[in-house]
């Protein structure tokens, strides 16, 4: 079965510190693990304060698990909406891009 990763590439909002960005990424990690993600990995790219970017990867055990999490979110998104309300009041990161990738180990 393929492992599905939801990948986000984020930049820090101008005027925020690396520490603030890392704290927000930690909040996101906690949120997605609570939603059923198998793991969440965070990588820092670039040269820190110069051209820094964050790669945020949410690992789902399968595409079916990713879909089930999406169904759960659509059915009752209150916990995510509550978190988004807080995050939008204090923006720390902005999305550059992202997508889904499937790792198929059997090939």
Protein backbone atom coordinates (compact mmCIF):
# COMPACT_ATOMS: atom_id res chain seq x y z
CA UNK A 1 0.00 0.00 0.00
CA UNK A 2 1.29 3.49 -0.83
CA UNK A 3 2.15 6.00 1.87
CA UNK A 4 0.64 9.39 1.07
CA UNK A 5 2.35 12.64 2.02
CA UNK A 6 0.70 16.03 1.93
CA UNK A 7 3.52 18.52 1.35
CA UNK A 8 3.37 22.24 2.07
CA UNK A 9 6.12 24.75 1.33
CA UNK A 10 5.85 27.83 3.55
CA UNK A 11 7.70 31.10 4.00
CA UNK A 12 7.82 33.14 7.16
CA UNK A 13 5.74 36.29 7.24
CA UNK A 14 8.03 39.33 7.15
CA UNK A 15 8.77 40.55 10.65
CA UNK A 16 8.31 37.17 12.36
CA UNK A 17 11.16 35.36 14.04
CA UNK A 18 12.35 31.83 13.37
CA UNK A 19 11.22 30.91 16.89
CA UNK A 20 7.67 32.16 16.17
CA UNK A 21 7.61 30.20 12.91
CA UNK A 22 8.79 27.02 14.64
CA UNK A 23 6.13 27.42 17.34
CA UNK A 24 3.39 27.70 14.70
CA UNK A 25 4.72 24.65 12.85
CA UNK A 26 4.57 22.79 16.16
CA UNK A 27 0.91 23.80 16.55
CA UNK A 28 0.19 22.54 13.04
CA UNK A 29 1.98 19.27 13.77
CA UNK A 30 -0.10 18.71 16.89
CA UNK A 31 -3.32 19.49 14.98
CA UNK A 32 -2.62 17.01 12.17
CA UNK A 33 -1.51 14.23 14.50
CA UNK A 34 -4.81 14.70 16.35
CA UNK A 35 -6.60 14.41 12.99
CA UNK A 36 -5.07 10.96 12.40
CA UNK A 37 -1.81 11.62 10.53
CA UNK A 38 0.77 8.86 10.93
CA UNK A 39 3.63 11.38 11.27
CA UNK A 40 4.48 14.99 10.55
CA UNK A 41 7.96 16.03 9.43
CA UNK A 42 9.34 19.54 9.16
CA UNK A 43 12.43 20.58 7.22
CA UNK A 44 14.05 23.98 7.05
CA UNK A 45 15.42 24.92 3.65
CA UNK A 46 17.66 27.72 2.48
CA UNK A 47 19.98 29.68 4.66
CA UNK A 48 17.88 30.51 7.70
CA UNK A 49 17.20 34.24 7.88
CA UNK A 50 18.38 34.85 4.31
CA UNK A 51 16.24 32.64 2.07
CA UNK A 52 14.59 30.36 4.57
CA UNK A 53 11.60 28.22 3.75
CA UNK A 54 9.82 25.44 5.59
CA UNK A 55 8.76 22.11 4.14
CA UNK A 56 5.89 20.66 6.16
CA UNK A 57 5.07 17.03 5.32
CA UNK A 58 2.04 15.28 6.74
CA UNK A 59 2.41 11.51 6.37
CA UNK A 60 -0.72 9.39 6.05
CA UNK A 61 -0.52 5.59 6.18
CA UNK A 62 -2.38 5.44 2.85
CA UNK A 63 -4.39 7.51 0.42
CA UNK A 64 -7.49 5.99 2.07
CA UNK A 65 -6.38 7.40 5.45
CA UNK A 66 -5.82 10.80 3.86
CA UNK A 67 -9.30 10.62 2.33
CA UNK A 68 -10.85 9.57 5.64
CA UNK A 69 -9.23 12.56 7.35
CA UNK A 70 -10.63 14.83 4.64
CA UNK A 71 -14.10 13.30 5.12
CA UNK A 72 -13.82 13.82 8.88
CA UNK A 73 -12.81 17.44 8.32
CA UNK A 74 -15.72 18.12 5.95
CA UNK A 75 -18.20 16.44 8.32
CA UNK A 76 -17.08 18.48 11.35
CA UNK A 77 -14.38 21.05 10.83
CA UNK A 78 -14.93 22.90 14.11
CA UNK A 79 -11.56 22.01 15.70
CA UNK A 80 -9.68 23.03 12.56
CA UNK A 81 -11.83 26.16 12.11
CA UNK A 82 -11.16 27.18 15.73
CA UNK A 83 -7.43 26.74 15.17
CA UNK A 84 -7.55 28.65 11.87
CA UNK A 85 -9.34 31.55 13.57
CA UNK A 86 -6.46 31.88 16.03
CA UNK A 87 -3.80 31.41 13.33
CA UNK A 88 -5.36 34.02 11.02
CA UNK A 89 -5.34 36.63 13.78
CA UNK A 90 -1.58 36.18 14.19
CA UNK A 91 -0.15 35.20 10.78
CA UNK A 92 3.33 33.73 11.01
CA UNK A 93 3.65 31.62 7.83
CA UNK A 94 2.41 31.95 4.26
CA UNK A 95 2.00 29.14 1.75
CA UNK A 96 4.25 29.04 -1.29
CA UNK A 97 2.87 25.77 -2.71
CA UNK A 98 2.25 22.13 -2.04
CA UNK A 99 0.57 18.94 -3.11
CA UNK A 100 0.24 15.21 -2.54
CA UNK A 101 2.85 12.56 -3.26
CA UNK A 102 2.44 8.80 -2.94
CA UNK A 103 5.40 6.58 -2.04
CA UNK A 104 4.94 3.11 -3.46
CA UNK A 105 7.53 0.84 -1.87
CA UNK A 106 6.55 -2.24 -3.88
CA UNK A 107 7.99 -0.93 -7.16
